[in-house]
Amino acid sequence: MAASWTQATVHVFHETRGSGSVITDQGVVIPFEPSAWEPGALRTMRPGQRLQVLVDPDASPVVVSAMTLVTFPTNG
């Protein structure tokens, strides 16, 4: 299965490291590194914030590869 955009909620965000995790609407916690959000329009984030996240379910381990605000376009 190819990577796809889905909605998730920020679960944990370590501001000093730029990493954290999101929890999908299905209850799956998925980690992310700074590379997933720094290139986008996000400046920071907070627990509870809704996002669009790009996830490849076939990757091992499963991680968020890109993210943006729910209201921003994802081009796919």
PDB file of N, CA and C in Angstrom:
ATOM      1  N   MET A   1       0.846  -1.177   0.000  1.00  0.00           N
ATOM      2  CA  MET A   1       0.000   0.000   0.000  1.00  0.00           C
ATOM      3  C   MET A   1       0.892   1.241   0.000  1.00  0.00           C
ATOM      4  N   ALA A   2       0.522   2.208  -0.786  1.00  0.00           N
ATOM      5  CA  ALA A   2       1.309   3.435  -0.896  1.00  0.00           C
ATOM      6  C   ALA A   2       1.042   4.360   0.286  1.00  0.00           C
ATOM      7  N   ALA A   3       1.959   5.294   0.493  1.00  0.00           N
ATOM      8  CA  ALA A   3       1.786   6.301   1.539  1.00  0.00           C
ATOM      9  C   ALA A   3       0.526   7.106   1.249  1.00  0.00           C
ATOM     10  N   SER A   4      -0.177   7.479   2.307  1.00  0.00           N
ATOM     11  CA  SER A   4      -1.403   8.254   2.121  1.00  0.00           C
ATOM     12  C   SER A   4      -1.561   9.252   3.264  1.00  0.00           C
ATOM     13  N   TRP A   5      -2.311  10.307   2.965  1.00  0.00           N
ATOM     14  CA  TRP A   5      -2.588  11.336   3.960  1.00  0.00           C
ATOM     15  C   TRP A   5      -3.749  10.902   4.820  1.00  0.00           C
ATOM     16  N   THR A   6      -3.663  11.149   6.097  1.00  0.00           N
ATOM     17  CA  THR A   6      -4.731  10.856   7.035  1.00  0.00           C
ATOM     18  C   THR A   6      -4.709  11.902   8.143  1.00  0.00           C
ATOM     19  N   GLN A   7      -5.803  12.043   8.844  1.00  0.00           N
ATOM     20  CA  GLN A   7      -5.839  12.996   9.944  1.00  0.00           C
ATOM     21  C   GLN A   7      -5.379  12.327  11.232  1.00  0.00           C
ATOM     22  N   ALA A   8      -4.730  13.103  12.069  1.00  0.00           N
ATOM     23  CA  ALA A   8      -4.233  12.617  13.349  1.00  0.00           C
ATOM     24  C   ALA A   8      -4.170  13.793  14.322  1.00  0.00           C
ATOM     25  N   THR A   9      -3.913  13.477  15.563  1.00  0.00           N
ATOM     26  CA  THR A   9      -3.808  14.469  16.630  1.00  0.00           C
ATOM     27  C   THR A   9      -2.414  14.390  17.233  1.00  0.00           C
ATOM     28  N   VAL A  10      -1.806  15.541  17.502  1.00  0.00           N
ATOM     29  CA  VAL A  10      -0.494  15.540  18.141  1.00  0.00           C
ATOM     30  C   VAL A  10      -0.649  14.890  19.516  1.00  0.00           C
ATOM     31  N   HIS A  11       0.138  13.873  19.753  1.00  0.00           N
ATOM     32  CA  HIS A  11       0.105  13.139  21.019  1.00  0.00           C
ATOM     33  C   HIS A  11       1.167  13.699  21.958  1.00  0.00           C
ATOM     34  N   VAL A  12       2.402  13.786  21.461  1.00  0.00           N
ATOM     35  CA  VAL A  12       3.536  14.308  22.229  1.00  0.00           C
ATOM     36  C   VAL A  12       4.373  15.164  21.285  1.00  0.00           C
ATOM     37  N   PHE A  13       4.864  16.307  21.774  1.00  0.00           N
ATOM     38  CA  PHE A  13       5.783  17.121  20.978  1.00  0.00           C
ATOM     39  C   PHE A  13       6.898  17.614  21.883  1.00  0.00           C
ATOM     40  N   HIS A  14       8.123  17.248  21.529  1.00  0.00           N
ATOM     41  CA  HIS A  14       9.312  17.702  22.257  1.00  0.00           C
ATOM     42  C   HIS A  14       9.872  18.899  21.492  1.00  0.00           C
ATOM     43  N   GLU A  15       9.550  20.089  21.951  1.00  0.00           N
ATOM     44  CA  GLU A  15       9.903  21.306  21.221  1.00  0.00           C
ATOM     45  C   GLU A  15      11.412  21.448  21.020  1.00  0.00           C
ATOM     46  N   THR A  16      12.208  21.112  22.016  1.00  0.00           N
ATOM     47  CA  THR A  16      13.659  21.277  21.886  1.00  0.00           C
ATOM     48  C   THR A  16      14.263  20.301  20.875  1.00  0.00           C
ATOM     49  N   ARG A  17      13.676  19.128  20.744  1.00  0.00           N
ATOM     50  CA  ARG A  17      14.176  18.130  19.775  1.00  0.00           C
ATOM     51  C   ARG A  17      13.462  18.207  18.441  1.00  0.00           C
ATOM     52  N   GLY A  18      12.233  18.701  18.445  1.00  0.00           N
ATOM     53  CA  GLY A  18      11.454  18.765  17.212  1.00  0.00           C
ATOM     54  C   GLY A  18      10.826  17.444  16.829  1.00  0.00           C
ATOM     55  N   SER A  19      10.823  16.505  17.738  1.00  0.00           N
ATOM     56  CA  SER A  19      10.252  15.186  17.451  1.00  0.00           C
ATOM     57  C   SER A  19       9.053  14.948  18.355  1.00  0.00           C
ATOM     58  N   GLY A  20       8.353  13.873  18.098  1.00  0.00           N
ATOM     59  CA  GLY A  20       7.202  13.547  18.921  1.00  0.00           C
ATOM     60  C   GLY A  20       6.421  12.402  18.316  1.00  0.00           C
ATOM     61  N   SER A  21       5.113  12.424  18.556  1.00  0.00           N
ATOM     62  CA  SER A  21       4.250  11.389  17.999  1.00  0.00           C
ATOM     63  C   SER A  21       2.849  11.956  17.804  1.00  0.00           C
ATOM     64  N   VAL A  22       2.124  11.310  16.917  1.00  0.00           N
ATOM     65  CA  VAL A  22       0.721  11.627  16.683  1.00  0.00           C
ATOM     66  C   VAL A  22      -0.078  10.370  16.984  1.00  0.00           C
ATOM     67  N   ILE A  23      -1.364  10.560  17.205  1.00  0.00           N
ATOM     68  CA  ILE A  23      -2.252   9.424  17.374  1.00  0.00           C
ATOM     69  C   ILE A  23      -3.340   9.542  16.309  1.00  0.00           C
ATOM     70  N   THR A  24      -3.486   8.474  15.527  1.00  0.00           N
ATOM     71  CA  THR A  24      -4.467   8.496  14.449  1.00  0.00           C
ATOM     72  C   THR A  24      -5.870   8.329  15.003  1.00  0.00           C
ATOM     73  N   ASP A  25      -6.855   8.557  14.156  1.00  0.00           N
ATOM     74  CA  ASP A  25      -8.241   8.401  14.574  1.00  0.00           C
ATOM     75  C   ASP A  25      -8.560   6.944  14.905  1.00  0.00           C
ATOM     76  N   GLN A  26      -7.712   6.021  14.471  1.00  0.00           N
ATOM     77  CA  GLN A  26      -7.874   4.605  14.773  1.00  0.00           C
ATOM     78  C   GLN A  26      -7.152   4.212  16.069  1.00  0.00           C
ATOM     79  N   GLY A  27      -6.504   5.190  16.730  1.00  0.00           N
ATOM     80  CA  GLY A  27      -5.845   4.940  17.997  1.00  0.00           C
ATOM     81  C   GLY A  27      -4.410   4.455  17.898  1.00  0.00           C
ATOM     82  N   VAL A  28      -3.797   4.578  16.724  1.00  0.00           N
ATOM     83  CA  VAL A  28      -2.422   4.140  16.523  1.00  0.00           C
ATOM     84  C   VAL A  28      -1.471   5.306  16.761  1.00  0.00           C
ATOM     85  N   VAL A  29      -0.498   5.112  17.646  1.00  0.00           N
ATOM     86  CA  VAL A  29       0.503   6.139  17.926  1.00  0.00           C
ATOM     87  C   VAL A  29       1.655   5.954  16.948  1.00  0.00           C
ATOM     88  N   ILE A  30       2.010   7.030  16.230  1.00  0.00           N
ATOM     89  CA  ILE A  30       3.066   6.981  15.212  1.00  0.00           C
ATOM     90  C   ILE A  30       4.062   8.098  15.491  1.00  0.00           C
ATOM     91  N   PRO A  31       5.353   7.772  15.582  1.00  0.00           N
ATOM     92  CA  PRO A  31       6.359   8.798  15.862  1.00  0.00           C
ATOM     93  C   PRO A  31       6.677   9.662  14.642  1.00  0.00           C
ATOM     94  N   PHE A  32       7.278  10.828  14.903  1.00  0.00           N
ATOM     95  CA  PHE A  32       7.792  11.668  13.817  1.00  0.00           C
ATOM     96  C   PHE A  32       9.080  12.330  14.272  1.00  0.00           C
ATOM     97  N   GLU A  33       9.898  12.652  13.304  1.00  0.00           N
ATOM     98  CA  GLU A  33      11.159  13.355  13.507  1.00  0.00           C
ATOM     99  C   GLU A  33      11.014  14.773  12.949  1.00  0.00           C
ATOM    100  N   PRO A  34      11.964  15.672  13.247  1.00  0.00           N
ATOM    101  CA  PRO A  34      11.869  17.046  12.740  1.00  0.00           C
ATOM    102  C   PRO A  34      11.709  17.121  11.216  1.00  0.00           C
ATOM    103  N   SER A  35      12.287  16.189  10.504  1.00  0.00           N
ATOM    104  CA  SER A  35      12.213  16.210   9.042  1.00  0.00           C
ATOM    105  C   SER A  35      10.784  16.096   8.524  1.00  0.00           C
ATOM    106  N   ALA A  36       9.857  15.629   9.338  1.00  0.00           N
ATOM    107  CA  ALA A  36       8.466  15.477   8.902  1.00  0.00           C
ATOM    108  C   ALA A  36       7.692  16.796   8.920  1.00  0.00           C
ATOM    109  N   TRP A  37       8.085  17.732   9.766  1.00  0.00           N
ATOM    110  CA  TRP A  37       7.294  18.961   9.857  1.00  0.00           C
ATOM    111  C   TRP A  37       8.060  20.230   9.561  1.00  0.00           C
ATOM    112  N   GLU A  38       9.355  20.226   9.640  1.00  0.00           N
ATOM    113  CA  GLU A  38      10.128  21.451   9.413  1.00  0.00           C
ATOM    114  C   GLU A  38       9.981  22.041   8.011  1.00  0.00           C
ATOM    115  N   PRO A  39       9.931  21.236   6.945  1.00  0.00           N
ATOM    116  CA  PRO A  39       9.808  21.846   5.613  1.00  0.00           C
ATOM    117  C   PRO A  39       8.449  22.493   5.346  1.00  0.00           C
ATOM    118  N   GLY A  40       7.450  22.130   6.106  1.00  0.00           N
ATOM    119  CA  GLY A  40       6.105  22.643   5.874  1.00  0.00           C
ATOM    120  C   GLY A  40       5.867  23.987   6.508  1.00  0.00           C
ATOM    121  N   ALA A  41       4.593  24.333   6.609  1.00  0.00           N
ATOM    122  CA  ALA A  41       4.193  25.640   7.116  1.00  0.00           C
ATOM    123  C   ALA A  41       4.067  25.677   8.636  1.00  0.00           C
ATOM    124  N   LEU A  42       4.338  24.574   9.305  1.00  0.00           N
ATOM    125  CA  LEU A  42       4.221  24.557  10.764  1.00  0.00           C
ATOM    126  C   LEU A  42       5.425  25.221  11.411  1.00  0.00           C
ATOM    127  N   ARG A  43       5.195  26.038  12.412  1.00  0.00           N
ATOM    128  CA  ARG A  43       6.288  26.658  13.170  1.00  0.00           C
ATOM    129  C   ARG A  43       6.512  25.923  14.483  1.00  0.00           C
ATOM    130  N   THR A  44       5.439  25.448  15.050  1.00  0.00           N
ATOM    131  CA  THR A  44       5.472  24.657  16.269  1.00  0.00           C
ATOM    132  C   THR A  44       4.169  23.889  16.323  1.00  0.00           C
ATOM    133  N   MET A  45       3.994  23.082  17.328  1.00  0.00           N
ATOM    134  CA  MET A  45       2.730  22.364  17.502  1.00  0.00           C
ATOM    135  C   MET A  45       2.513  22.101  18.973  1.00  0.00           C
ATOM    136  N   ARG A  46       1.300  21.679  19.296  1.00  0.00           N
ATOM    137  CA  ARG A  46       0.957  21.428  20.688  1.00  0.00           C
ATOM    138  C   ARG A  46       0.132  20.145  20.767  1.00  0.00           C
ATOM    139  N   PRO A  47       0.221  19.427  21.878  1.00  0.00           N
ATOM    140  CA  PRO A  47      -0.619  18.239  22.050  1.00  0.00           C
ATOM    141  C   PRO A  47      -2.090  18.592  21.857  1.00  0.00           C
ATOM    142  N   GLY A  48      -2.808  17.763  21.163  1.00  0.00           N
ATOM    143  CA  GLY A  48      -4.217  17.987  20.876  1.00  0.00           C
ATOM    144  C   GLY A  48      -4.478  18.643  19.542  1.00  0.00           C
ATOM    145  N   GLN A  49      -3.445  19.163  18.898  1.00  0.00           N
ATOM    146  CA  GLN A  49      -3.610  19.835  17.609  1.00  0.00           C
ATOM    147  C   GLN A  49      -3.889  18.815  16.513  1.00  0.00           C
ATOM    148  N   ARG A  50      -4.861  19.146  15.639  1.00  0.00           N
ATOM    149  CA  ARG A  50      -5.216  18.258  14.524  1.00  0.00           C
ATOM    150  C   ARG A  50      -4.312  18.545  13.343  1.00  0.00           C
ATOM    151  N   LEU A  51      -3.861  17.476  12.699  1.00  0.00           N
ATOM    152  CA  LEU A  51      -2.959  17.578  11.553  1.00  0.00           C
ATOM    153  C   LEU A  51      -3.369  16.607  10.459  1.00  0.00           C
ATOM    154  N   GLN A  52      -2.871  16.872   9.267  1.00  0.00           N
ATOM    155  CA  GLN A  52      -2.866  15.896   8.174  1.00  0.00           C
ATOM    156  C   GLN A  52      -1.465  15.313   8.182  1.00  0.00           C
ATOM    157  N   VAL A  53      -1.340  13.990   8.193  1.00  0.00           N
ATOM    158  CA  VAL A  53      -0.030  13.347   8.224  1.00  0.00           C
ATOM    159  C   VAL A  53       0.091  12.359   7.081  1.00  0.00           C
ATOM    160  N   LEU A  54       1.287  12.268   6.527  1.00  0.00           N
ATOM    161  CA  LEU A  54       1.570  11.327   5.450  1.00  0.00           C
ATOM    162  C   LEU A  54       2.272  10.127   6.067  1.00  0.00           C
ATOM    163  N   VAL A  55       1.652   8.957   5.918  1.00  0.00           N
ATOM    164  CA  VAL A  55       2.158   7.745   6.553  1.00  0.00           C
ATOM    165  C   VAL A  55       2.229   6.632   5.514  1.00  0.00           C
ATOM    166  N   ASP A  56       3.336   5.895   5.533  1.00  0.00           N
ATOM    167  CA  ASP A  56       3.471   4.703   4.696  1.00  0.00           C
ATOM    168  C   ASP A  56       3.286   3.496   5.607  1.00  0.00           C
ATOM    169  N   PRO A  57       2.136   2.825   5.537  1.00  0.00           N
ATOM    170  CA  PRO A  57       1.866   1.722   6.448  1.00  0.00           C
ATOM    171  C   PRO A  57       2.764   0.508   6.231  1.00  0.00           C
ATOM    172  N   ASP A  58       3.435   0.444   5.093  1.00  0.00           N
ATOM    173  CA  ASP A  58       4.312  -0.690   4.806  1.00  0.00           C
ATOM    174  C   ASP A  58       5.738  -0.462   5.289  1.00  0.00           C
ATOM    175  N   ALA A  59       6.062   0.759   5.699  1.00  0.00           N
ATOM    176  CA  ALA A  59       7.414   1.062   6.183  1.00  0.00           C
ATOM    177  C   ALA A  59       7.641   0.361   7.520  1.00  0.00           C
ATOM    178  N   SER A  60       8.887   0.070   7.780  1.00  0.00           N
ATOM    179  CA  SER A  60       9.221  -0.551   9.058  1.00  0.00           C
ATOM    180  C   SER A  60      10.434   0.149   9.641  1.00  0.00           C
ATOM    181  N   PRO A  61      10.287   0.880  10.709  1.00  0.00           N
ATOM    182  CA  PRO A  61       9.048   1.117  11.447  1.00  0.00           C
ATOM    183  C   PRO A  61       8.170   2.157  10.748  1.00  0.00           C
ATOM    184  N   VAL A  62       6.897   2.124  11.066  1.00  0.00           N
ATOM    185  CA  VAL A  62       5.959   3.107  10.510  1.00  0.00           C
ATOM    186  C   VAL A  62       6.244   4.452  11.168  1.00  0.00           C
ATOM    187  N   VAL A  63       6.461   5.481  10.344  1.00  0.00           N
ATOM    188  CA  VAL A  63       6.700   6.834  10.845  1.00  0.00           C
ATOM    189  C   VAL A  63       5.943   7.819   9.969  1.00  0.00           C
ATOM    190  N   VAL A  64       5.742   9.011  10.506  1.00  0.00           N
ATOM    191  CA  VAL A  64       5.146  10.096   9.740  1.00  0.00           C
ATOM    192  C   VAL A  64       6.247  10.695   8.875  1.00  0.00           C
ATOM    193  N   SER A  65       6.010  10.794   7.562  1.00  0.00           N
ATOM    194  CA  SER A  65       7.041  11.348   6.675  1.00  0.00           C
ATOM    195  C   SER A  65       6.795  12.806   6.329  1.00  0.00           C
ATOM    196  N   ALA A  66       5.560  13.306   6.530  1.00  0.00           N
ATOM    197  CA  ALA A  66       5.241  14.716   6.279  1.00  0.00           C
ATOM    198  C   ALA A  66       3.983  15.052   7.059  1.00  0.00           C
ATOM    199  N   MET A  67       3.822  16.324   7.377  1.00  0.00           N
ATOM    200  CA  MET A  67       2.617  16.747   8.085  1.00  0.00           C
ATOM    201  C   MET A  67       2.326  18.208   7.794  1.00  0.00           C
ATOM    202  N   THR A  68       1.046  18.554   7.933  1.00  0.00           N
ATOM    203  CA  THR A  68       0.605  19.923   7.748  1.00  0.00           C
ATOM    204  C   THR A  68      -0.688  20.115   8.533  1.00  0.00           C
ATOM    205  N   LEU A  69      -1.140  21.342   8.631  1.00  0.00           N
ATOM    206  CA  LEU A  69      -2.414  21.610   9.282  1.00  0.00           C
ATOM    207  C   LEU A  69      -3.553  21.019   8.464  1.00  0.00           C
ATOM    208  N   VAL A  70      -4.616  20.663   9.130  1.00  0.00           N
ATOM    209  CA  VAL A  70      -5.769  20.066   8.455  1.00  0.00           C
ATOM    210  C   VAL A  70      -6.304  21.004   7.378  1.00  0.00           C
ATOM    211  N   THR A  71      -6.242  22.306   7.595  1.00  0.00           N
ATOM    212  CA  THR A  71      -6.814  23.275   6.655  1.00  0.00           C
ATOM    213  C   THR A  71      -5.914  23.574   5.466  1.00  0.00           C
ATOM    214  N   PHE A  72      -4.670  23.087   5.458  1.00  0.00           N
ATOM    215  CA  PHE A  72      -3.752  23.334   4.361  1.00  0.00           C
ATOM    216  C   PHE A  72      -3.870  22.215   3.323  1.00  0.00           C
ATOM    217  N   PRO A  73      -3.686  22.530   2.034  1.00  0.00           N
ATOM    218  CA  PRO A  73      -3.743  21.490   1.004  1.00  0.00           C
ATOM    219  C   PRO A  73      -2.572  20.525   1.103  1.00  0.00           C
ATOM    220  N   THR A  74      -2.811  19.273   0.698  1.00  0.00           N
ATOM    221  CA  THR A  74      -1.772  18.240   0.775  1.00  0.00           C
ATOM    222  C   THR A  74      -1.272  17.794  -0.596  1.00  0.00           C
ATOM    223  N   ASN A  75      -1.866  18.287  -1.663  1.00  0.00           N
ATOM    224  CA  ASN A  75      -1.460  17.893  -3.019  1.00  0.00           C
ATOM    225  C   ASN A  75      -1.501  16.391  -3.192  1.00  0.00           C
ATOM    226  N   GLY A  76      -2.551  15.776  -2.744  1.00  0.00           N
ATOM    227  CA  GLY A  76      -2.686  14.347  -2.944  1.00  0.00           C
ATOM    228  C   GLY A  76      -3.520  13.760  -1.910  1.00  0.00           C
TER     229      GLY A  76
END
